Amino acid sequence: MTVPPSGLPEPPPAGRSMLPPGTFEGQVVLITGGGTGLGLGMGLEFARLGATIAVASRKADHRLRGVAAIEAAGGAAIEVALDVREPEAVSAAFARIEAEAGPVSVLVNNAAGNFPVRAERLSPNGWRAVVDIVLTGTFLCSREFARRRVACGAGGPILNVLATYVDGGAPGHAHSAAAKSGVRSLTETLAVEWAPDGIRVNAIAPGVFPHGDHSPDMARNRPEGYEAERTRIPALRTGRLHELGWAATWLCSPHAAFVTGHVLVIDGGERLNYGIRRPVFEPIRERLPD
């Protein structure tokens, strides 16, 4: 009798810590887009390890939801309004966080924008909106972080959030794929440039991590739901948010002090699932018709 495959095991339950208690005690972690989805999942794990989380977002309801969730888990958080596309807003947000909670000692560039659209229908404004949030925003926040850390003689980690489609084509997501690819190059460049200053720059590329904050446009591409994506993943399951949080906290911890310029892919082997026969090709005009 053949035992059916069960895939990769589930992780330990949410709420457990991978790192020693207090690893981030006394530190302030700024997470852009930190009130929902992946950003909140990472924020919860930093908070469990003692950090105060600065939840940054343009949307007040997102910020308040993020703070409430972190406090409900026993952590400490503050909220700060931030449009990562505006240099003055970035500087003001760092100053406000420092006044309320202390200097930012860890930066997670998670803010993103994306919507499925065929490239020939992508407007200049739509292109700019996504590229400015993802690429320009990551640079502006990283630059502000580095300026302040160098000025006070302290280093610190930066973690950028990529996407697995930076390797290969992403039909329907030309704007996001180009921006995320730029962030990967930026990660590697800044890692080299700022290492002498004690600043480490790494990135994380999540696969499918279901959560309750997917945009309607993105959800429409998966009519059967995100959990159904497990059929395409060699692990035979999707990711759990706390797994992503554990990876993020490790990359930003002293235990990864010699790791910089690295992109950690967490996708259950999905990006490698090509086989000898490729999946049936679906033209983007069929997937996104007029």
C-alpha atoms as a PDB file:
ATOM      1  CA  MET A   1       0.000   0.000   0.000  1.00  0.00           C
ATOM      2  CA  THR A   2       1.391   3.380  -1.027  1.00  0.00           C
ATOM      3  CA  VAL A   3       1.164   6.130   1.548  1.00  0.00           C
ATOM      4  CA  PRO A   4      -0.093   9.363  -0.045  1.00  0.00           C
ATOM      5  CA  PRO A   5       2.404  12.227   0.055  1.00  0.00           C
ATOM      6  CA  SER A   6       1.938  14.676   2.872  1.00  0.00           C
ATOM      7  CA  GLY A   7       4.364  17.410   1.812  1.00  0.00           C
ATOM      8  CA  LEU A   8       6.560  19.431   4.105  1.00  0.00           C
ATOM      9  CA  PRO A   9       5.491  19.466   7.759  1.00  0.00           C
ATOM     10  CA  GLU A  10       3.628  22.312   9.375  1.00  0.00           C
ATOM     11  CA  PRO A  11       5.790  24.667  11.445  1.00  0.00           C
ATOM     12  CA  PRO A  12       5.499  24.881  15.224  1.00  0.00           C
ATOM     13  CA  PRO A  13       2.393  26.847  16.193  1.00  0.00           C
ATOM     14  CA  ALA A  14       2.187  30.616  16.101  1.00  0.00           C
ATOM     15  CA  GLY A  15       3.221  32.282  19.326  1.00  0.00           C
ATOM     16  CA  ARG A  16       6.445  30.342  19.791  1.00  0.00           C
ATOM     17  CA  SER A  17       9.732  32.177  19.383  1.00  0.00           C
ATOM     18  CA  MET A  18      12.590  30.896  17.255  1.00  0.00           C
ATOM     19  CA  LEU A  19      15.149  33.217  18.852  1.00  0.00           C
ATOM     20  CA  PRO A  20      16.006  33.733  22.534  1.00  0.00           C
ATOM     21  CA  PRO A  21      13.491  35.821  24.506  1.00  0.00           C
ATOM     22  CA  GLY A  22      14.393  39.487  24.492  1.00  0.00           C
ATOM     23  CA  THR A  23      16.481  39.343  21.310  1.00  0.00           C
ATOM     24  CA  PHE A  24      15.095  42.740  20.273  1.00  0.00           C
ATOM     25  CA  GLU A  25      14.509  44.143  23.757  1.00  0.00           C
ATOM     26  CA  GLY A  26      14.836  47.925  23.788  1.00  0.00           C
ATOM     27  CA  GLN A  27      14.869  48.182  19.996  1.00  0.00           C
ATOM     28  CA  VAL A  28      12.457  50.004  17.712  1.00  0.00           C
ATOM     29  CA  VAL A  29      11.482  48.243  14.491  1.00  0.00           C
ATOM     30  CA  LEU A  30       9.918  50.362  11.745  1.00  0.00           C
ATOM     31  CA  ILE A  31       7.770  48.331   9.352  1.00  0.00           C
ATOM     32  CA  THR A  32       6.334  50.167   6.376  1.00  0.00           C
ATOM     33  CA  GLY A  33       2.940  48.794   5.456  1.00  0.00           C
ATOM     34  CA  GLY A  34       3.083  47.168   8.880  1.00  0.00           C
ATOM     35  CA  GLY A  35      -0.590  47.241   9.764  1.00  0.00           C
ATOM     36  CA  THR A  36      -1.815  44.379   7.595  1.00  0.00           C
ATOM     37  CA  GLY A  37      -0.800  41.195   5.831  1.00  0.00           C
ATOM     38  CA  LEU A  38       2.856  40.255   5.632  1.00  0.00           C
ATOM     39  CA  GLY A  39       3.989  43.392   7.439  1.00  0.00           C
ATOM     40  CA  LEU A  40       1.803  42.669  10.442  1.00  0.00           C
ATOM     41  CA  GLY A  41       2.875  39.013  10.443  1.00  0.00           C
ATOM     42  CA  MET A  42       6.501  40.085  10.725  1.00  0.00           C
ATOM     43  CA  GLY A  43       5.704  42.794  13.270  1.00  0.00           C
ATOM     44  CA  LEU A  44       4.079  40.300  15.622  1.00  0.00           C
ATOM     45  CA  GLU A  45       7.241  38.185  15.744  1.00  0.00           C
ATOM     46  CA  PHE A  46       9.524  41.176  16.369  1.00  0.00           C
ATOM     47  CA  ALA A  47       7.155  42.281  19.145  1.00  0.00           C
ATOM     48  CA  ARG A  48       7.218  38.839  20.779  1.00  0.00           C
ATOM     49  CA  LEU A  49      10.987  39.212  20.995  1.00  0.00           C
ATOM     50  CA  GLY A  50      10.779  42.496  22.862  1.00  0.00           C
ATOM     51  CA  ALA A  51      10.807  45.154  20.135  1.00  0.00           C
ATOM     52  CA  THR A  52       8.566  48.189  19.978  1.00  0.00           C
ATOM     53  CA  ILE A  53       6.955  48.184  16.535  1.00  0.00           C
ATOM     54  CA  ALA A  54       6.420  51.414  14.607  1.00  0.00           C
ATOM     55  CA  VAL A  55       3.491  50.591  12.333  1.00  0.00           C
ATOM     56  CA  ALA A  56       3.724  52.902   9.314  1.00  0.00           C
ATOM     57  CA  SER A  57       1.085  53.320   6.626  1.00  0.00           C
ATOM     58  CA  ARG A  58      -0.778  55.980   4.694  1.00  0.00           C
ATOM     59  CA  LYS A  59      -4.094  54.567   5.935  1.00  0.00           C
ATOM     60  CA  ALA A  60      -5.122  55.308   9.509  1.00  0.00           C
ATOM     61  CA  ASP A  61      -7.350  52.230   9.779  1.00  0.00           C
ATOM     62  CA  HIS A  62      -4.440  49.990   8.786  1.00  0.00           C
ATOM     63  CA  ARG A  63      -2.182  51.591  11.356  1.00  0.00           C
ATOM     64  CA  LEU A  64      -4.721  51.266  14.146  1.00  0.00           C
ATOM     65  CA  ARG A  65      -5.500  47.649  13.260  1.00  0.00           C
ATOM     66  CA  GLY A  66      -1.799  46.819  13.334  1.00  0.00           C
ATOM     67  CA  VAL A  67      -1.208  48.451  16.699  1.00  0.00           C
ATOM     68  CA  ALA A  68      -4.281  46.731  18.161  1.00  0.00           C
ATOM     69  CA  ALA A  69      -3.149  43.300  16.916  1.00  0.00           C
ATOM     70  CA  ILE A  70       0.367  43.703  18.317  1.00  0.00           C
ATOM     71  CA  GLU A  71      -0.903  44.938  21.666  1.00  0.00           C
ATOM     72  CA  ALA A  72      -3.405  42.079  21.816  1.00  0.00           C
ATOM     73  CA  ALA A  73      -0.460  39.680  21.444  1.00  0.00           C
ATOM     74  CA  GLY A  74       1.276  41.342  24.396  1.00  0.00           C
ATOM     75  CA  GLY A  75       3.618  43.542  22.375  1.00  0.00           C
ATOM     76  CA  ALA A  76       4.270  47.272  22.222  1.00  0.00           C
ATOM     77  CA  ALA A  77       3.523  49.381  19.156  1.00  0.00           C
ATOM     78  CA  ILE A  78       3.016  52.932  17.985  1.00  0.00           C
ATOM     79  CA  GLU A  79       1.520  54.154  14.737  1.00  0.00           C
ATOM     80  CA  VAL A  80       2.896  56.741  12.342  1.00  0.00           C
ATOM     81  CA  ALA A  81       1.461  58.154   9.147  1.00  0.00           C
ATOM     82  CA  LEU A  82       3.873  57.714   6.271  1.00  0.00           C
ATOM     83  CA  ASP A  83       3.859  58.054   2.502  1.00  0.00           C
ATOM     84  CA  VAL A  84       7.151  56.399   1.574  1.00  0.00           C
ATOM     85  CA  ARG A  85       7.223  58.226  -1.770  1.00  0.00           C
ATOM     86  CA  GLU A  86       7.830  61.620  -0.120  1.00  0.00           C
ATOM     87  CA  PRO A  87      11.323  62.369   1.254  1.00  0.00           C
ATOM     88  CA  GLU A  88      10.022  64.966   3.721  1.00  0.00           C
ATOM     89  CA  ALA A  89       7.371  62.566   5.021  1.00  0.00           C
ATOM     90  CA  VAL A  90      10.002  59.865   5.526  1.00  0.00           C
ATOM     91  CA  SER A  91      12.254  62.189   7.522  1.00  0.00           C
ATOM     92  CA  ALA A  92       9.309  63.414   9.603  1.00  0.00           C
ATOM     93  CA  ALA A  93       8.190  59.852  10.364  1.00  0.00           C
ATOM     94  CA  PHE A  94      11.644  58.839  11.610  1.00  0.00           C
ATOM     95  CA  ALA A  95      11.787  61.967  13.775  1.00  0.00           C
ATOM     96  CA  ARG A  96       8.360  61.303  15.261  1.00  0.00           C
ATOM     97  CA  ILE A  97       9.171  57.661  16.004  1.00  0.00           C
ATOM     98  CA  GLU A  98      12.410  58.679  17.706  1.00  0.00           C
ATOM     99  CA  ALA A  99      10.569  61.242  19.837  1.00  0.00           C
ATOM    100  CA  GLU A 100       7.878  58.773  20.911  1.00  0.00           C
ATOM    101  CA  ALA A 101       9.727  55.468  21.215  1.00  0.00           C
ATOM    102  CA  GLY A 102      13.418  55.959  20.523  1.00  0.00           C
ATOM    103  CA  PRO A 103      15.594  55.795  17.395  1.00  0.00           C
ATOM    104  CA  VAL A 104      14.725  53.252  14.739  1.00  0.00           C
ATOM    105  CA  SER A 105      17.230  50.420  15.042  1.00  0.00           C
ATOM    106  CA  VAL A 106      15.685  47.967  12.529  1.00  0.00           C
ATOM    107  CA  LEU A 107      13.994  48.868   9.228  1.00  0.00           C
ATOM    108  CA  VAL A 108      11.667  46.565   7.300  1.00  0.00           C
ATOM    109  CA  ASN A 109      10.750  47.940   3.860  1.00  0.00           C
ATOM    110  CA  ASN A 110       7.458  46.151   3.286  1.00  0.00           C
ATOM    111  CA  ALA A 111       5.219  48.841   1.742  1.00  0.00           C
ATOM    112  CA  ALA A 112       4.129  47.813  -1.738  1.00  0.00           C
ATOM    113  CA  GLY A 113       1.593  48.431  -4.439  1.00  0.00           C
ATOM    114  CA  ASN A 114       0.463  46.098  -7.182  1.00  0.00           C
ATOM    115  CA  PHE A 115      -2.520  45.372  -9.388  1.00  0.00           C
ATOM    116  CA  PRO A 116      -2.838  42.992 -12.346  1.00  0.00           C
ATOM    117  CA  VAL A 117      -2.895  44.768 -15.698  1.00  0.00           C
ATOM    118  CA  ARG A 118      -1.707  44.019 -19.210  1.00  0.00           C
ATOM    119  CA  ALA A 119       1.414  46.006 -20.012  1.00  0.00           C
ATOM    120  CA  GLU A 120      -0.091  47.834 -22.989  1.00  0.00           C
ATOM    121  CA  ARG A 121      -2.955  48.990 -20.752  1.00  0.00           C
ATOM    122  CA  LEU A 122      -0.716  50.113 -17.899  1.00  0.00           C
ATOM    123  CA  SER A 123      -0.961  53.900 -17.601  1.00  0.00           C
ATOM    124  CA  PRO A 124       2.035  56.102 -16.787  1.00  0.00           C
ATOM    125  CA  ASN A 125       0.358  57.015 -13.499  1.00  0.00           C
ATOM    126  CA  GLY A 126      -0.172  53.342 -12.652  1.00  0.00           C
ATOM    127  CA  TRP A 127       3.481  52.606 -13.441  1.00  0.00           C
ATOM    128  CA  ARG A 128       4.715  55.519 -11.343  1.00  0.00           C
ATOM    129  CA  ALA A 129       2.471  54.674  -8.410  1.00  0.00           C
ATOM    130  CA  VAL A 130       3.845  51.149  -8.040  1.00  0.00           C
ATOM    131  CA  VAL A 131       7.480  51.950  -8.844  1.00  0.00           C
ATOM    132  CA  ASP A 132       7.492  54.956  -6.506  1.00  0.00           C
ATOM    133  CA  ILE A 133       6.088  52.987  -3.572  1.00  0.00           C
ATOM    134  CA  VAL A 134       8.149  49.835  -4.051  1.00  0.00           C
ATOM    135  CA  LEU A 135      11.495  51.087  -5.354  1.00  0.00           C
ATOM    136  CA  THR A 136      11.704  54.785  -4.527  1.00  0.00           C
ATOM    137  CA  GLY A 137      10.075  54.253  -1.131  1.00  0.00           C
ATOM    138  CA  THR A 138      12.537  51.521  -0.238  1.00  0.00           C
ATOM    139  CA  PHE A 139      15.451  53.763  -1.181  1.00  0.00           C
ATOM    140  CA  LEU A 140      14.154  56.818   0.686  1.00  0.00           C
ATOM    141  CA  CYS A 141      13.484  54.887   3.903  1.00  0.00           C
ATOM    142  CA  SER A 142      16.823  53.084   3.675  1.00  0.00           C
ATOM    143  CA  ARG A 143      18.678  56.332   3.071  1.00  0.00           C
ATOM    144  CA  GLU A 144      17.043  58.006   6.077  1.00  0.00           C
ATOM    145  CA  PHE A 145      17.798  54.998   8.260  1.00  0.00           C
ATOM    146  CA  ALA A 146      21.447  54.911   7.183  1.00  0.00           C
ATOM    147  CA  ARG A 147      21.954  58.650   7.636  1.00  0.00           C
ATOM    148  CA  ARG A 148      20.669  58.511  11.189  1.00  0.00           C
ATOM    149  CA  ARG A 149      22.536  55.325  12.157  1.00  0.00           C
ATOM    150  CA  VAL A 150      25.845  56.567  10.759  1.00  0.00           C
ATOM    151  CA  ALA A 151      25.408  59.933  12.472  1.00  0.00           C
ATOM    152  CA  CYS A 152      25.086  58.275  15.884  1.00  0.00           C
ATOM    153  CA  GLY A 153      27.822  55.721  15.228  1.00  0.00           C
ATOM    154  CA  ALA A 154      25.486  52.736  15.244  1.00  0.00           C
ATOM    155  CA  GLY A 155      24.771  50.131  12.612  1.00  0.00           C
ATOM    156  CA  GLY A 156      21.642  48.112  12.178  1.00  0.00           C
ATOM    157  CA  PRO A 157      19.772  45.801   9.821  1.00  0.00           C
ATOM    158  CA  ILE A 158      17.530  46.640   6.884  1.00  0.00           C
ATOM    159  CA  LEU A 159      15.191  43.992   5.475  1.00  0.00           C
ATOM    160  CA  ASN A 160      13.563  44.499   2.076  1.00  0.00           C
ATOM    161  CA  VAL A 161      10.558  42.490   0.928  1.00  0.00           C
ATOM    162  CA  LEU A 162      10.794  41.142  -2.633  1.00  0.00           C
ATOM    163  CA  ALA A 163       8.678  38.702  -4.624  1.00  0.00           C
ATOM    164  CA  THR A 164       9.627  35.353  -6.108  1.00  0.00           C
ATOM    165  CA  TYR A 165       8.858  36.619  -9.617  1.00  0.00           C
ATOM    166  CA  VAL A 166      12.015  38.750  -9.678  1.00  0.00           C
ATOM    167  CA  ASP A 167      13.498  35.629 -11.300  1.00  0.00           C
ATOM    168  CA  GLY A 168      11.554  35.107 -14.510  1.00  0.00           C
ATOM    169  CA  GLY A 169       8.623  36.803 -16.168  1.00  0.00           C
ATOM    170  CA  ALA A 170       5.515  38.090 -14.407  1.00  0.00           C
ATOM    171  CA  PRO A 171       2.871  38.763 -17.082  1.00  0.00           C
ATOM    172  CA  GLY A 172       0.315  41.229 -15.817  1.00  0.00           C
ATOM    173  CA  HIS A 173       2.736  42.667 -13.277  1.00  0.00           C
ATOM    174  CA  ALA A 174       5.339  44.529 -15.347  1.00  0.00           C
ATOM    175  CA  HIS A 175       5.342  47.480 -12.946  1.00  0.00           C
ATOM    176  CA  SER A 176       5.737  45.413  -9.782  1.00  0.00           C
ATOM    177  CA  ALA A 177       8.262  42.979 -11.279  1.00  0.00           C
ATOM    178  CA  ALA A 178      10.465  45.821 -12.511  1.00  0.00           C
ATOM    179  CA  ALA A 179      10.270  47.599  -9.165  1.00  0.00           C
ATOM    180  CA  LYS A 180      10.967  44.487  -7.096  1.00  0.00           C
ATOM    181  CA  SER A 181      13.905  43.603  -9.351  1.00  0.00           C
ATOM    182  CA  GLY A 182      15.235  47.090  -8.721  1.00  0.00           C
ATOM    183  CA  VAL A 183      14.907  46.524  -4.985  1.00  0.00           C
ATOM    184  CA  ARG A 184      16.962  43.343  -5.289  1.00  0.00           C
ATOM    185  CA  SER A 185      19.756  45.248  -7.015  1.00  0.00           C
ATOM    186  CA  LEU A 186      19.450  48.010  -4.432  1.00  0.00           C
ATOM    187  CA  THR A 187      19.715  45.429  -1.644  1.00  0.00           C
ATOM    188  CA  GLU A 188      22.975  44.093  -3.012  1.00  0.00           C
ATOM    189  CA  THR A 189      24.434  47.526  -3.753  1.00  0.00           C
ATOM    190  CA  LEU A 190      23.635  49.008  -0.354  1.00  0.00           C
ATOM    191  CA  ALA A 191      24.868  45.852   1.390  1.00  0.00           C
ATOM    192  CA  VAL A 192      28.322  46.459  -0.076  1.00  0.00           C
ATOM    193  CA  GLU A 193      28.260  50.224   0.373  1.00  0.00           C
ATOM    194  CA  TRP A 194      27.074  50.281   3.968  1.00  0.00           C
ATOM    195  CA  ALA A 195      28.775  47.206   5.441  1.00  0.00           C
ATOM    196  CA  PRO A 196      31.722  49.296   6.691  1.00  0.00           C
ATOM    197  CA  ASP A 197      29.178  51.360   8.648  1.00  0.00           C
ATOM    198  CA  GLY A 198      27.771  48.263  10.340  1.00  0.00           C
ATOM    199  CA  ILE A 199      24.553  48.327   8.337  1.00  0.00           C
ATOM    200  CA  ARG A 200      23.395  44.999   6.940  1.00  0.00           C
ATOM    201  CA  VAL A 201      20.922  44.916   4.035  1.00  0.00           C
ATOM    202  CA  ASN A 202      19.072  41.717   3.200  1.00  0.00           C
ATOM    203  CA  ALA A 203      15.852  40.753   1.490  1.00  0.00           C
ATOM    204  CA  ILE A 204      13.144  38.163   1.833  1.00  0.00           C
ATOM    205  CA  ALA A 205      11.109  36.800  -1.087  1.00  0.00           C
ATOM    206  CA  PRO A 206       7.872  35.194   0.126  1.00  0.00           C
ATOM    207  CA  GLY A 207       5.909  32.658  -1.841  1.00  0.00           C
ATOM    208  CA  VAL A 208       2.186  32.194  -1.146  1.00  0.00           C
ATOM    209  CA  PHE A 209       1.271  33.264   2.377  1.00  0.00           C
ATOM    210  CA  PRO A 210      -2.523  33.496   2.710  1.00  0.00           C
ATOM    211  CA  HIS A 211      -3.871  36.259   4.912  1.00  0.00           C
ATOM    212  CA  GLY A 212      -7.008  38.309   5.173  1.00  0.00           C
ATOM    213  CA  ASP A 213      -5.712  41.461   3.520  1.00  0.00           C
ATOM    214  CA  HIS A 214      -5.298  40.522  -0.140  1.00  0.00           C
ATOM    215  CA  SER A 215      -6.570  43.218  -2.477  1.00  0.00           C
ATOM    216  CA  PRO A 216      -9.720  42.472  -4.506  1.00  0.00           C
ATOM    217  CA  ASP A 217      -7.716  42.688  -7.749  1.00  0.00           C
ATOM    218  CA  MET A 218      -5.184  40.125  -6.531  1.00  0.00           C
ATOM    219  CA  ALA A 219      -7.845  37.849  -5.059  1.00  0.00           C
ATOM    220  CA  ARG A 220      -9.773  37.759  -8.345  1.00  0.00           C
ATOM    221  CA  ASN A 221      -6.788  35.999  -9.938  1.00  0.00           C
ATOM    222  CA  ARG A 222      -7.334  33.139  -7.464  1.00  0.00           C
ATOM    223  CA  PRO A 223     -11.075  32.373  -7.543  1.00  0.00           C
ATOM    224  CA  GLU A 224     -10.551  29.202  -5.524  1.00  0.00           C
ATOM    225  CA  GLY A 225      -8.679  31.080  -2.806  1.00  0.00           C
ATOM    226  CA  TYR A 226      -5.023  31.354  -1.865  1.00  0.00           C
ATOM    227  CA  GLU A 227      -5.021  28.091   0.085  1.00  0.00           C
ATOM    228  CA  ALA A 228      -5.815  26.221  -3.153  1.00  0.00           C
ATOM    229  CA  GLU A 229      -2.384  27.274  -4.429  1.00  0.00           C
ATOM    230  CA  ARG A 230      -0.890  24.377  -2.460  1.00  0.00           C
ATOM    231  CA  THR A 231      -1.513  22.123  -5.477  1.00  0.00           C
ATOM    232  CA  ARG A 232       1.279  23.961  -7.334  1.00  0.00           C
ATOM    233  CA  ILE A 233       3.746  23.912  -4.452  1.00  0.00           C
ATOM    234  CA  PRO A 234       6.060  20.938  -3.860  1.00  0.00           C
ATOM    235  CA  ALA A 235       5.588  21.445  -0.117  1.00  0.00           C
ATOM    236  CA  LEU A 236       1.873  20.629  -0.666  1.00  0.00           C
ATOM    237  CA  ARG A 237       0.926  23.578   1.498  1.00  0.00           C
ATOM    238  CA  THR A 238       1.139  27.345   1.575  1.00  0.00           C
ATOM    239  CA  GLY A 239       3.233  29.412   3.953  1.00  0.00           C
ATOM    240  CA  ARG A 240       2.195  30.479   7.429  1.00  0.00           C
ATOM    241  CA  LEU A 241       2.663  34.110   8.405  1.00  0.00           C
ATOM    242  CA  HIS A 242       4.634  33.304  11.534  1.00  0.00           C
ATOM    243  CA  GLU A 243       7.125  31.335   9.405  1.00  0.00           C
ATOM    244  CA  LEU A 244       7.785  34.518   7.471  1.00  0.00           C
ATOM    245  CA  GLY A 245       8.104  36.399  10.744  1.00  0.00           C
ATOM    246  CA  TRP A 246      10.656  33.924  12.068  1.00  0.00           C
ATOM    247  CA  ALA A 247      12.771  34.329   8.927  1.00  0.00           C
ATOM    248  CA  ALA A 248      12.568  38.113   9.139  1.00  0.00           C
ATOM    249  CA  THR A 249      13.568  38.239  12.798  1.00  0.00           C
ATOM    250  CA  TRP A 250      16.512  35.906  12.222  1.00  0.00           C
ATOM    251  CA  LEU A 251      17.853  37.951   9.303  1.00  0.00           C
ATOM    252  CA  CYS A 252      17.658  41.097  11.444  1.00  0.00           C
ATOM    253  CA  SER A 253      19.072  39.479  14.585  1.00  0.00           C
ATOM    254  CA  PRO A 254      22.650  39.384  15.915  1.00  0.00           C
ATOM    255  CA  HIS A 255      22.643  35.676  15.011  1.00  0.00           C
ATOM    256  CA  ALA A 256      22.859  36.707  11.334  1.00  0.00           C
ATOM    257  CA  ALA A 257      25.586  39.284  11.905  1.00  0.00           C
ATOM    258  CA  PHE A 258      27.698  38.001   8.976  1.00  0.00           C
ATOM    259  CA  VAL A 259      24.773  37.846   6.516  1.00  0.00           C
ATOM    260  CA  THR A 260      24.324  40.794   4.173  1.00  0.00           C
ATOM    261  CA  GLY A 261      23.280  41.212   0.549  1.00  0.00           C
ATOM    262  CA  HIS A 262      21.312  37.963   0.754  1.00  0.00           C
ATOM    263  CA  VAL A 263      17.869  37.178  -0.663  1.00  0.00           C
ATOM    264  CA  LEU A 264      16.088  34.471   1.324  1.00  0.00           C
ATOM    265  CA  VAL A 265      13.345  32.777  -0.679  1.00  0.00           C
ATOM    266  CA  ILE A 266      10.575  31.149   1.359  1.00  0.00           C
ATOM    267  CA  ASP A 267       8.150  29.457  -1.003  1.00  0.00           C
ATOM    268  CA  GLY A 268       8.068  25.705  -0.328  1.00  0.00           C
ATOM    269  CA  GLY A 269       9.952  25.047  -3.576  1.00  0.00           C
ATOM    270  CA  GLU A 270       7.312  26.678  -5.794  1.00  0.00           C
ATOM    271  CA  ARG A 271       9.791  28.629  -7.938  1.00  0.00           C
ATOM    272  CA  LEU A 272      11.605  25.381  -8.829  1.00  0.00           C
ATOM    273  CA  ASN A 273       8.513  23.433  -9.879  1.00  0.00           C
ATOM    274  CA  TYR A 274       9.066  23.240 -13.622  1.00  0.00           C
ATOM    275  CA  GLY A 275       9.511  19.532 -14.333  1.00  0.00           C
ATOM    276  CA  ILE A 276      10.226  18.204 -17.806  1.00  0.00           C
ATOM    277  CA  ARG A 277       6.856  19.367 -19.125  1.00  0.00           C
ATOM    278  CA  ARG A 278       5.994  22.955 -18.443  1.00  0.00           C
ATOM    279  CA  PRO A 279       2.470  23.961 -17.425  1.00  0.00           C
ATOM    280  CA  VAL A 280       0.093  24.929 -20.222  1.00  0.00           C
ATOM    281  CA  PHE A 281       0.853  28.500 -21.277  1.00  0.00           C
ATOM    282  CA  GLU A 282      -1.968  30.963 -20.742  1.00  0.00           C
ATOM    283  CA  PRO A 283      -1.611  34.212 -22.715  1.00  0.00           C
ATOM    284  CA  ILE A 284      -2.105  37.281 -20.560  1.00  0.00           C
ATOM    285  CA  ARG A 285      -4.945  38.474 -22.805  1.00  0.00           C
ATOM    286  CA  GLU A 286      -6.910  35.371 -21.887  1.00  0.00           C
ATOM    287  CA  ARG A 287      -6.187  35.761 -18.198  1.00  0.00           C
ATOM    288  CA  LEU A 288      -6.910  39.503 -18.220  1.00  0.00           C
ATOM    289  CA  PRO A 289      -9.395  40.016 -21.088  1.00  0.00           C
ATOM    290  CA  ASP A 290     -10.817  43.382 -22.052  1.00  0.00           C
END
